[in-house]
C-alpha atoms as a PDB file:
ATOM      1  CA  UNK A   1    -181.852  60.262 -16.328  1.00  0.00           C
ATOM      2  CA  UNK A   2    -181.334  63.804 -15.438  1.00  0.00           C
ATOM      3  CA  UNK A   3    -185.205  64.146 -14.303  1.00  0.00           C
ATOM      4  CA  UNK A   4    -185.015  61.401 -11.359  1.00  0.00           C
ATOM      5  CA  UNK A   5    -182.285  62.759 -10.739  1.00  0.00           C
ATOM      6  CA  UNK A   6    -183.118  65.366  -9.736  1.00  0.00           C
ATOM      7  CA  UNK A   7    -186.530  63.842  -8.129  1.00  0.00           C
ATOM      8  CA  UNK A   8    -184.888  61.479  -5.872  1.00  0.00           C
ATOM      9  CA  UNK A   9    -182.653  64.898  -4.745  1.00  0.00           C
ATOM     10  CA  UNK A  10    -185.678  66.554  -3.673  1.00  0.00           C
ATOM     11  CA  UNK A  11    -186.308  63.792  -1.908  1.00  0.00           C
ATOM     12  CA  UNK A  12    -183.914  63.257  -0.368  1.00  0.00           C
ATOM     13  CA  UNK A  13    -181.914  60.447  -1.974  1.00  0.00           C
ATOM     14  CA  UNK A  14    -178.378  60.107  -2.595  1.00  0.00           C
ATOM     15  CA  UNK A  15    -177.845  58.531  -6.012  1.00  0.00           C
ATOM     16  CA  UNK A  16    -174.037  57.035  -6.407  1.00  0.00           C
ATOM     17  CA  UNK A  17    -173.857  56.284 -10.309  1.00  0.00           C
ATOM     18  CA  UNK A  18    -170.415  54.106 -11.628  1.00  0.00           C
ATOM     19  CA  UNK A  19    -170.335  51.784  -8.300  1.00  0.00           C
ATOM     20  CA  UNK A  20    -170.317  48.491  -7.978  1.00  0.00           C
ATOM     21  CA  UNK A  21    -171.606  46.349  -4.775  1.00  0.00           C
ATOM     22  CA  UNK A  22    -169.100  44.276  -3.833  1.00  0.00           C
ATOM     23  CA  UNK A  23    -170.948  42.411  -0.689  1.00  0.00           C
ATOM     24  CA  UNK A  24    -173.888  42.453   1.429  1.00  0.00           C
ATOM     25  CA  UNK A  25    -173.448  40.939   5.101  1.00  0.00           C
ATOM     26  CA  UNK A  26    -174.693  41.041   8.163  1.00  0.00           C
ATOM     27  CA  UNK A  27    -173.848  44.196  10.860  1.00  0.00           C
ATOM     28  CA  UNK A  28    -172.520  44.029  14.081  1.00  0.00           C
ATOM     29  CA  UNK A  29    -175.496  43.207  16.649  1.00  0.00           C
ATOM     30  CA  UNK A  30    -175.513  43.577  20.659  1.00  0.00           C
ATOM     31  CA  UNK A  31    -176.262  41.678  22.524  1.00  0.00           C
ATOM     32  CA  UNK A  32    -179.675  41.296  23.319  1.00  0.00           C
ATOM     33  CA  UNK A  33    -181.084  43.415  21.145  1.00  0.00           C
ATOM     34  CA  UNK A  34    -182.006  42.320  17.672  1.00  0.00           C
ATOM     35  CA  UNK A  35    -179.445  42.694  14.364  1.00  0.00           C
ATOM     36  CA  UNK A  36    -181.157  45.376  12.940  1.00  0.00           C
ATOM     37  CA  UNK A  37    -178.388  46.534  10.398  1.00  0.00           C
ATOM     38  CA  UNK A  38    -176.641  45.892   7.135  1.00  0.00           C
ATOM     39  CA  UNK A  39    -173.568  46.005   5.765  1.00  0.00           C
ATOM     40  CA  UNK A  40    -172.900  47.008   2.547  1.00  0.00           C
ATOM     41  CA  UNK A  41    -170.022  47.489   0.866  1.00  0.00           C
ATOM     42  CA  UNK A  42    -169.042  49.407  -2.390  1.00  0.00           C
ATOM     43  CA  UNK A  43    -166.204  50.213  -5.074  1.00  0.00           C
ATOM     44  CA  UNK A  44    -166.540  53.526  -6.712  1.00  0.00           C
ATOM     45  CA  UNK A  45    -165.671  53.729 -11.121  1.00  0.00           C
ATOM     46  CA  UNK A  46    -161.680  51.792 -11.440  1.00  0.00           C
ATOM     47  CA  UNK A  47    -160.734  52.707  -7.588  1.00  0.00           C
ATOM     48  CA  UNK A  48    -159.486  50.106  -5.503  1.00  0.00           C
ATOM     49  CA  UNK A  49    -160.880  51.165  -2.214  1.00  0.00           C
ATOM     50  CA  UNK A  50    -163.668  49.865  -0.763  1.00  0.00           C
ATOM     51  CA  UNK A  51    -167.015  52.089   0.862  1.00  0.00           C
ATOM     52  CA  UNK A  52    -168.462  50.749   3.978  1.00  0.00           C
ATOM     53  CA  UNK A  53    -171.953  51.752   4.849  1.00  0.00           C
ATOM     54  CA  UNK A  54    -174.040  50.947   6.991  1.00  0.00           C
ATOM     55  CA  UNK A  55    -178.229  50.154   6.013  1.00  0.00           C
ATOM     56  CA  UNK A  56    -181.500  48.965   8.212  1.00  0.00           C
ATOM     57  CA  UNK A  57    -183.017  48.110   5.038  1.00  0.00           C
ATOM     58  CA  UNK A  58    -181.623  47.120   1.945  1.00  0.00           C
ATOM     59  CA  UNK A  59    -183.756  46.489  -1.228  1.00  0.00           C
ATOM     60  CA  UNK A  60    -181.961  44.224  -3.976  1.00  0.00           C
ATOM     61  CA  UNK A  61    -182.561  45.476  -7.330  1.00  0.00           C
ATOM     62  CA  UNK A  62    -179.767  44.876  -9.360  1.00  0.00           C
ATOM     63  CA  UNK A  63    -181.447  43.870 -12.622  1.00  0.00           C
ATOM     64  CA  UNK A  64    -182.788  40.364 -15.026  1.00  0.00           C
ATOM     65  CA  UNK A  65    -181.375  36.548 -15.445  1.00  0.00           C
ATOM     66  CA  UNK A  66    -183.701  35.017 -18.221  1.00  0.00           C
ATOM     67  CA  UNK A  67    -184.758  31.638 -16.655  1.00  0.00           C
ATOM     68  CA  UNK A  68    -182.974  29.824 -19.676  1.00  0.00           C
ATOM     69  CA  UNK A  69    -180.175  30.758 -18.034  1.00  0.00           C
ATOM     70  CA  UNK A  70    -178.271  27.953 -15.735  1.00  0.00           C
ATOM     71  CA  UNK A  71    -176.680  28.236 -12.993  1.00  0.00           C
ATOM     72  CA  UNK A  72    -172.951  28.719 -13.793  1.00  0.00           C
ATOM     73  CA  UNK A  73    -173.793  31.698 -16.648  1.00  0.00           C
ATOM     74  CA  UNK A  74    -172.188  34.765 -16.521  1.00  0.00           C
ATOM     75  CA  UNK A  75    -174.497  36.632 -14.262  1.00  0.00           C
ATOM     76  CA  UNK A  76    -175.564  36.905 -10.696  1.00  0.00           C
ATOM     77  CA  UNK A  77    -178.555  36.001  -9.080  1.00  0.00           C
ATOM     78  CA  UNK A  78    -179.620  35.454  -5.421  1.00  0.00           C
ATOM     79  CA  UNK A  79    -182.742  33.747  -6.781  1.00  0.00           C
ATOM     80  CA  UNK A  80    -182.259  29.634  -7.015  1.00  0.00           C
ATOM     81  CA  UNK A  81    -184.262  29.116 -10.799  1.00  0.00           C
ATOM     82  CA  UNK A  82    -185.469  26.418 -12.445  1.00  0.00           C
ATOM     83  CA  UNK A  83    -183.775  23.472 -13.876  1.00  0.00           C
ATOM     84  CA  UNK A  84    -185.387  24.480 -17.288  1.00  0.00           C
ATOM     85  CA  UNK A  85    -182.416  22.462 -19.355  1.00  0.00           C
ATOM     86  CA  UNK A  86    -183.361  23.867 -22.713  1.00  0.00           C
ATOM     87  CA  UNK A  87    -181.539  22.715 -25.583  1.00  0.00           C
ATOM     88  CA  UNK A  88    -181.448  25.641 -27.436  1.00  0.00           C
ATOM     89  CA  UNK A  89    -178.109  28.167 -27.652  1.00  0.00           C
ATOM     90  CA  UNK A  90    -177.741  30.474 -25.005  1.00  0.00           C
ATOM     91  CA  UNK A  91    -174.858  33.996 -25.008  1.00  0.00           C
ATOM     92  CA  UNK A  92    -172.625  34.825 -21.554  1.00  0.00           C
ATOM     93  CA  UNK A  93    -175.997  35.936 -20.023  1.00  0.00           C
ATOM     94  CA  UNK A  94    -178.154  32.353 -20.516  1.00  0.00           C
ATOM     95  CA  UNK A  95    -180.664  34.057 -23.451  1.00  0.00           C
ATOM     96  CA  UNK A  96    -181.899  31.908 -26.208  1.00  0.00           C
ATOM     97  CA  UNK A  97    -180.086  33.335 -28.837  1.00  0.00           C
ATOM     98  CA  UNK A  98    -182.277  34.261 -32.487  1.00  0.00           C
ATOM     99  CA  UNK A  99    -181.592  35.215 -36.090  1.00  0.00           C
ATOM    100  CA  UNK A 100    -183.286  38.620 -37.335  1.00  0.00           C
ATOM    101  CA  UNK A 101    -186.527  36.174 -37.644  1.00  0.00           C
ATOM    102  CA  UNK A 102    -186.722  35.775 -33.660  1.00  0.00           C
ATOM    103  CA  UNK A 103    -186.385  32.352 -34.854  1.00  0.00           C
ATOM    104  CA  UNK A 104    -183.634  30.280 -32.366  1.00  0.00           C
ATOM    105  CA  UNK A 105    -180.756  29.650 -34.546  1.00  0.00           C
ATOM    106  CA  UNK A 106    -180.424  25.731 -35.539  1.00  0.00           C
ATOM    107  CA  UNK A 107    -184.237  25.598 -34.696  1.00  0.00           C
ATOM    108  CA  UNK A 108    -186.170  26.437 -38.270  1.00  0.00           C
ATOM    109  CA  UNK A 109    -189.769  25.862 -35.744  1.00  0.00           C
ATOM    110  CA  UNK A 110    -188.887  27.585 -32.390  1.00  0.00           C
ATOM    111  CA  UNK A 111    -189.295  31.626 -31.321  1.00  0.00           C
ATOM    112  CA  UNK A 112    -188.242  32.934 -29.279  1.00  0.00           C
ATOM    113  CA  UNK A 113    -188.676  36.643 -27.852  1.00  0.00           C
ATOM    114  CA  UNK A 114    -188.484  38.749 -24.722  1.00  0.00           C
ATOM    115  CA  UNK A 115    -186.070  39.044 -22.290  1.00  0.00           C
ATOM    116  CA  UNK A 116    -185.031  34.682 -22.693  1.00  0.00           C
ATOM    117  CA  UNK A 117    -184.034  36.395 -26.597  1.00  0.00           C
ATOM    118  CA  UNK A 118    -180.931  37.806 -27.406  1.00  0.00           C
ATOM    119  CA  UNK A 119    -181.248  38.990 -31.409  1.00  0.00           C
ATOM    120  CA  UNK A 120    -178.059  41.418 -31.970  1.00  0.00           C
ATOM    121  CA  UNK A 121    -179.045  44.561 -34.013  1.00  0.00           C
ATOM    122  CA  UNK A 122    -176.249  45.134 -36.763  1.00  0.00           C
ATOM    123  CA  UNK A 123    -178.090  48.125 -38.063  1.00  0.00           C
ATOM    124  CA  UNK A 124    -177.618  49.717 -34.291  1.00  0.00           C
ATOM    125  CA  UNK A 125    -175.177  52.649 -34.373  1.00  0.00           C
ATOM    126  CA  UNK A 126    -171.235  53.654 -33.552  1.00  0.00           C
ATOM    127  CA  UNK A 127    -171.443  53.212 -29.469  1.00  0.00           C
ATOM    128  CA  UNK A 128    -174.985  51.563 -29.214  1.00  0.00           C
ATOM    129  CA  UNK A 129    -175.471  48.348 -28.054  1.00  0.00           C
ATOM    130  CA  UNK A 130    -175.331  45.962 -30.153  1.00  0.00           C
ATOM    131  CA  UNK A 131    -178.529  43.996 -28.023  1.00  0.00           C
ATOM    132  CA  UNK A 132    -181.872  45.060 -27.349  1.00  0.00           C
ATOM    133  CA  UNK A 133    -182.724  46.046 -24.443  1.00  0.00           C
ATOM    134  CA  UNK A 134    -185.315  44.120 -22.070  1.00  0.00           C
ATOM    135  CA  UNK A 135    -187.760  46.319 -21.464  1.00  0.00           C
ATOM    136  CA  UNK A 136    -191.693  45.750 -22.688  1.00  0.00           C
ATOM    137  CA  UNK A 137    -191.732  47.470 -25.240  1.00  0.00           C
ATOM    138  CA  UNK A 138    -188.933  45.373 -27.302  1.00  0.00           C
ATOM    139  CA  UNK A 139    -191.452  42.094 -25.874  1.00  0.00           C
ATOM    140  CA  UNK A 140    -194.239  44.359 -27.222  1.00  0.00           C
ATOM    141  CA  UNK A 141    -193.273  45.124 -30.725  1.00  0.00           C
ATOM    142  CA  UNK A 142    -191.336  41.219 -31.455  1.00  0.00           C
ATOM    143  CA  UNK A 143    -194.494  40.187 -30.567  1.00  0.00           C
ATOM    144  CA  UNK A 144    -196.419  40.922 -33.680  1.00  0.00           C
ATOM    145  CA  UNK A 145    -193.424  40.064 -35.851  1.00  0.00           C
ATOM    146  CA  UNK A 146    -192.686  36.725 -33.871  1.00  0.00           C
ATOM    147  CA  UNK A 147    -196.871  36.150 -34.549  1.00  0.00           C
ATOM    148  CA  UNK A 148    -196.911  36.429 -38.317  1.00  0.00           C
ATOM    149  CA  UNK A 149    -193.334  34.351 -38.514  1.00  0.00           C
ATOM    150  CA  UNK A 150    -194.911  31.448 -36.608  1.00  0.00           C
ATOM    151  CA  UNK A 151    -198.152  31.585 -39.037  1.00  0.00           C
ATOM    152  CA  UNK A 152    -195.216  32.330 -42.176  1.00  0.00           C
ATOM    153  CA  UNK A 153    -193.678  28.785 -40.923  1.00  0.00           C
ATOM    154  CA  UNK A 154    -196.398  26.728 -40.724  1.00  0.00           C
ATOM    155  CA  UNK A 155    -197.755  28.076 -44.333  1.00  0.00           C
ATOM    156  CA  UNK A 156    -194.864  28.588 -45.940  1.00  0.00           C
ATOM    157  CA  UNK A 157    -194.337  32.117 -47.158  1.00  0.00           C
ATOM    158  CA  UNK A 158    -191.533  34.176 -46.008  1.00  0.00           C
ATOM    159  CA  UNK A 159    -190.564  34.964 -42.687  1.00  0.00           C
ATOM    160  CA  UNK A 160    -190.288  39.014 -41.832  1.00  0.00           C
ATOM    161  CA  UNK A 161    -187.379  40.227 -39.873  1.00  0.00           C
ATOM    162  CA  UNK A 162    -187.728  42.049 -36.444  1.00  0.00           C
ATOM    163  CA  UNK A 163    -187.343  45.734 -37.028  1.00  0.00           C
ATOM    164  CA  UNK A 164    -187.447  47.779 -33.409  1.00  0.00           C
ATOM    165  CA  UNK A 165    -188.388  50.884 -33.013  1.00  0.00           C
ATOM    166  CA  UNK A 166    -187.587  52.902 -30.387  1.00  0.00           C
ATOM    167  CA  UNK A 167    -191.171  55.188 -28.795  1.00  0.00           C
ATOM    168  CA  UNK A 168    -189.169  56.406 -26.260  1.00  0.00           C
ATOM    169  CA  UNK A 169    -188.518  55.863 -22.468  1.00  0.00           C
ATOM    170  CA  UNK A 170    -191.555  56.012 -19.051  1.00  0.00           C
ATOM    171  CA  UNK A 171    -190.802  55.740 -15.509  1.00  0.00           C
ATOM    172  CA  UNK A 172    -192.931  56.637 -12.609  1.00  0.00           C
ATOM    173  CA  UNK A 173    -191.110  59.463 -10.038  1.00  0.00           C
ATOM    174  CA  UNK A 174    -194.189  59.134  -7.495  1.00  0.00           C
ATOM    175  CA  UNK A 175    -197.885  59.023  -6.982  1.00  0.00           C
ATOM    176  CA  UNK A 176    -198.312  61.978  -9.690  1.00  0.00           C
ATOM    177  CA  UNK A 177    -195.071  62.639 -11.229  1.00  0.00           C
ATOM    178  CA  UNK A 178    -193.052  60.228 -14.343  1.00  0.00           C
ATOM    179  CA  UNK A 179    -190.599  61.412 -16.749  1.00  0.00           C
ATOM    180  CA  UNK A 180    -191.755  60.614 -20.270  1.00  0.00           C
ATOM    181  CA  UNK A 181    -188.304  60.597 -22.836  1.00  0.00           C
ATOM    182  CA  UNK A 182    -189.349  60.872 -26.401  1.00  0.00           C
ATOM    183  CA  UNK A 183    -187.118  60.481 -29.441  1.00  0.00           C
ATOM    184  CA  UNK A 184    -187.831  63.292 -30.998  1.00  0.00           C
ATOM    185  CA  UNK A 185    -184.843  65.805 -31.293  1.00  0.00           C
ATOM    186  CA  UNK A 186    -184.218  69.451 -32.913  1.00  0.00           C
ATOM    187  CA  UNK A 187    -181.010  70.642 -34.288  1.00  0.00           C
ATOM    188  CA  UNK A 188    -178.774  71.440 -32.640  1.00  0.00           C
ATOM    189  CA  UNK A 189    -179.090  75.643 -33.760  1.00  0.00           C
ATOM    190  CA  UNK A 190    -182.871  75.034 -33.151  1.00  0.00           C
ATOM    191  CA  UNK A 191    -182.505  73.496 -29.572  1.00  0.00           C
ATOM    192  CA  UNK A 192    -179.702  75.826 -28.385  1.00  0.00           C
ATOM    193  CA  UNK A 193    -181.493  79.307 -29.256  1.00  0.00           C
ATOM    194  CA  UNK A 194    -184.985  78.173 -27.628  1.00  0.00           C
ATOM    195  CA  UNK A 195    -183.484  77.106 -24.806  1.00  0.00           C
ATOM    196  CA  UNK A 196    -182.018  80.139 -24.120  1.00  0.00           C
ATOM    197  CA  UNK A 197    -185.347  82.348 -25.179  1.00  0.00           C
ATOM    198  CA  UNK A 198    -188.477  83.129 -23.207  1.00  0.00           C
ATOM    199  CA  UNK A 199    -189.837  80.395 -25.342  1.00  0.00           C
ATOM    200  CA  UNK A 200    -188.092  78.002 -24.085  1.00  0.00           C
ATOM    201  CA  UNK A 201    -188.394  79.236 -20.417  1.00  0.00           C
ATOM    202  CA  UNK A 202    -191.655  78.603 -20.384  1.00  0.00           C
ATOM    203  CA  UNK A 203    -191.880  75.294 -21.953  1.00  0.00           C
ATOM    204  CA  UNK A 204    -188.949  74.139 -18.740  1.00  0.00           C
ATOM    205  CA  UNK A 205    -191.669  75.483 -15.761  1.00  0.00           C
ATOM    206  CA  UNK A 206    -194.375  73.222 -17.215  1.00  0.00           C
ATOM    207  CA  UNK A 207    -191.890  70.799 -17.437  1.00  0.00           C
ATOM    208  CA  UNK A 208    -190.749  70.057 -21.130  1.00  0.00           C
ATOM    209  CA  UNK A 209    -187.307  69.772 -21.858  1.00  0.00           C
ATOM    210  CA  UNK A 210    -185.880  70.548 -25.482  1.00  0.00           C
ATOM    211  CA  UNK A 211    -182.410  68.925 -26.667  1.00  0.00           C
ATOM    212  CA  UNK A 212    -180.696  67.675 -29.479  1.00  0.00           C
ATOM    213  CA  UNK A 213    -180.770  64.168 -28.810  1.00  0.00           C
ATOM    214  CA  UNK A 214    -184.889  64.333 -28.032  1.00  0.00           C
ATOM    215  CA  UNK A 215    -187.855  66.168 -25.279  1.00  0.00           C
ATOM    216  CA  UNK A 216    -188.653  65.383 -21.922  1.00  0.00           C
ATOM    217  CA  UNK A 217    -191.168  65.746 -19.736  1.00  0.00           C
ATOM    218  CA  UNK A 218    -190.828  64.942 -16.155  1.00  0.00           C
ATOM    219  CA  UNK A 219    -193.034  66.194 -13.213  1.00  0.00           C
ATOM    220  CA  UNK A 220    -197.096  66.005 -12.931  1.00  0.00           C
ATOM    221  CA  UNK A 221    -197.079  66.704 -17.422  1.00  0.00           C
ATOM    222  CA  UNK A 222    -194.321  63.421 -17.693  1.00  0.00           C
ATOM    223  CA  UNK A 223    -196.584  61.430 -14.943  1.00  0.00           C
ATOM    224  CA  UNK A 224    -199.744  62.106 -16.935  1.00  0.00           C
ATOM    225  CA  UNK A 225    -198.237  61.268 -20.245  1.00  0.00           C
ATOM    226  CA  UNK A 226    -196.959  58.290 -18.973  1.00  0.00           C
ATOM    227  CA  UNK A 227    -200.625  57.288 -17.438  1.00  0.00           C
ATOM    228  CA  UNK A 228    -201.951  57.648 -20.588  1.00  0.00           C
ATOM    229  CA  UNK A 229    -199.597  55.783 -22.448  1.00  0.00           C
ATOM    230  CA  UNK A 230    -199.803  52.632 -20.439  1.00  0.00           C
ATOM    231  CA  UNK A 231    -203.429  52.996 -20.110  1.00  0.00           C
ATOM    232  CA  UNK A 232    -203.401  53.461 -24.042  1.00  0.00           C
ATOM    233  CA  UNK A 233    -201.551  50.487 -24.787  1.00  0.00           C
ATOM    234  CA  UNK A 234    -203.626  48.080 -22.989  1.00  0.00           C
ATOM    235  CA  UNK A 235    -204.666  45.030 -25.320  1.00  0.00           C
ATOM    236  CA  UNK A 236    -207.797  44.776 -24.798  1.00  0.00           C
ATOM    237  CA  UNK A 237    -210.917  47.106 -23.578  1.00  0.00           C
ATOM    238  CA  UNK A 238    -211.419  45.149 -20.875  1.00  0.00           C
ATOM    239  CA  UNK A 239    -208.468  46.327 -19.532  1.00  0.00           C
ATOM    240  CA  UNK A 240    -208.934  50.233 -20.451  1.00  0.00           C
ATOM    241  CA  UNK A 241    -211.123  49.798 -18.448  1.00  0.00           C
ATOM    242  CA  UNK A 242    -209.747  48.356 -15.115  1.00  0.00           C
ATOM    243  CA  UNK A 243    -206.684  50.145 -15.298  1.00  0.00           C
ATOM    244  CA  UNK A 244    -208.952  52.980 -15.439  1.00  0.00           C
ATOM    245  CA  UNK A 245    -211.165  52.037 -12.226  1.00  0.00           C
ATOM    246  CA  UNK A 246    -208.108  51.187 -10.292  1.00  0.00           C
ATOM    247  CA  UNK A 247    -206.302  54.579 -10.997  1.00  0.00           C
ATOM    248  CA  UNK A 248    -209.798  56.212 -10.051  1.00  0.00           C
ATOM    249  CA  UNK A 249    -210.608  54.351  -7.103  1.00  0.00           C
ATOM    250  CA  UNK A 250    -206.452  54.291  -6.054  1.00  0.00           C
ATOM    251  CA  UNK A 251    -207.311  58.559  -6.412  1.00  0.00           C
ATOM    252  CA  UNK A 252    -210.305  59.027  -4.052  1.00  0.00           C
ATOM    253  CA  UNK A 253    -208.458  56.543  -1.871  1.00  0.00           C
ATOM    254  CA  UNK A 254    -205.398  59.923  -2.213  1.00  0.00           C
ATOM    255  CA  UNK A 255    -208.443  62.090  -1.973  1.00  0.00           C
ATOM    256  CA  UNK A 256    -210.176  60.887   1.367  1.00  0.00           C
ATOM    257  CA  UNK A 257    -207.366  60.254   3.176  1.00  0.00           C
ATOM    258  CA  UNK A 258    -206.088  63.627   2.676  1.00  0.00           C
ATOM    259  CA  UNK A 259    -208.906  64.710   3.638  1.00  0.00           C
ATOM    260  CA  UNK A 260    -208.704  62.802   6.682  1.00  0.00           C
ATOM    261  CA  UNK A 261    -205.438  63.798   7.764  1.00  0.00           C
ATOM    262  CA  UNK A 262    -206.239  67.960   7.152  1.00  0.00           C
ATOM    263  CA  UNK A 263    -209.300  66.913   9.128  1.00  0.00           C
ATOM    264  CA  UNK A 264    -207.211  65.492  12.171  1.00  0.00           C
ATOM    265  CA  UNK A 265    -204.871  68.572  11.998  1.00  0.00           C
ATOM    266  CA  UNK A 266    -207.165  71.576  12.676  1.00  0.00           C
ATOM    267  CA  UNK A 267    -208.616  69.252  15.242  1.00  0.00           C
ATOM    268  CA  UNK A 268    -205.356  69.492  16.736  1.00  0.00           C
ATOM    269  CA  UNK A 269    -204.903  73.188  16.232  1.00  0.00           C
ATOM    270  CA  UNK A 270    -208.375  73.492  17.591  1.00  0.00           C
ATOM    271  CA  UNK A 271    -207.344  71.749  21.322  1.00  0.00           C
ATOM    272  CA  UNK A 272    -204.309  73.469  21.458  1.00  0.00           C
ATOM    273  CA  UNK A 273    -205.908  76.764  20.642  1.00  0.00           C
ATOM    274  CA  UNK A 274    -208.251  76.200  23.364  1.00  0.00           C
ATOM    275  CA  UNK A 275    -205.670  74.505  26.225  1.00  0.00           C
ATOM    276  CA  UNK A 276    -203.683  77.592  25.455  1.00  0.00           C
ATOM    277  CA  UNK A 277    -206.913  79.757  26.970  1.00  0.00           C
ATOM    278  CA  UNK A 278    -207.305  78.538  28.922  1.00  0.00           C
END
C-alpha cells in the first residue's frame, strides 16, 4: 500500500483513504453547453460532514459482487445481475457458503470456489478477516482441491480440507513499475538493524524494503518480478508463449513511439533554430 500510495502521489494523484462515497450526481448544466461535470459526495471516516467534489470523469471501482447474489443482498451494484435462482445457502454478500472441503453446505455433490464461494477459515490469526480474500491467488489454489475432491467424492475417498497459503500480493503501477509484497519477514531486531545500515540504504535504492512483516519490492524491480510471476503462473506453455509475444510486441511499439516522438521533437527544434537564425 505504501508503494502504491507513493507511486500515485508522484503522478499527481490525491489518495483519500477512510472515505465513503455517499452519492454521485449530475453537475449543473450551463445553457447551450453539454453536461461535462459530475458531483461526487464523500464522507470522511465517522464524520457526518459531506465533502462535495466536481469531476469530469468518474470511474467506479468499488469491488465485486458475486453473480449468485440477489438484488436484495447486503451489497450495492450498478450492474443488473441475472436471476440465477441458485438453491444454495449464501452469506450476506450473496456468496455460496461451503465447508472446509469447498463443498456447498447441505449439498454433498456440489462444490464452489473463487469469488462465488464463502469459506470461513477458523485458523486465521486474531485480528484478521476470517473470510478468504477475493483474489485470483485464492481461486487458483482452490481449483486443485476442488478437482481432487470431485474425484474423491465420486470414488468414495476422503475429501481434503482446503489450506490457503498466502504467497504475497502484486500490483502494476504503470508500464514498467510495480509492487510485490512477499510474506517473508525478519525478526524485528534484525530488520531494524538492516534498515539503519548501508545495506538497507542500498536495497532501498534498488526498490527493496525489508521489515518484520515481510519484504516489499517496488519500482522497476517490482514490475519485473510481477511480470515474471504472472508469466510463470500461466497454465500452459502456449499461454506463456502468447503472453511473452504480447509483451514483446507492446515493448516494440512503446520503443517505436519513443523514437518517433524524439524524431519529431528534434525536427521541431531544428525548425525553430533555423527560423531564429533567419
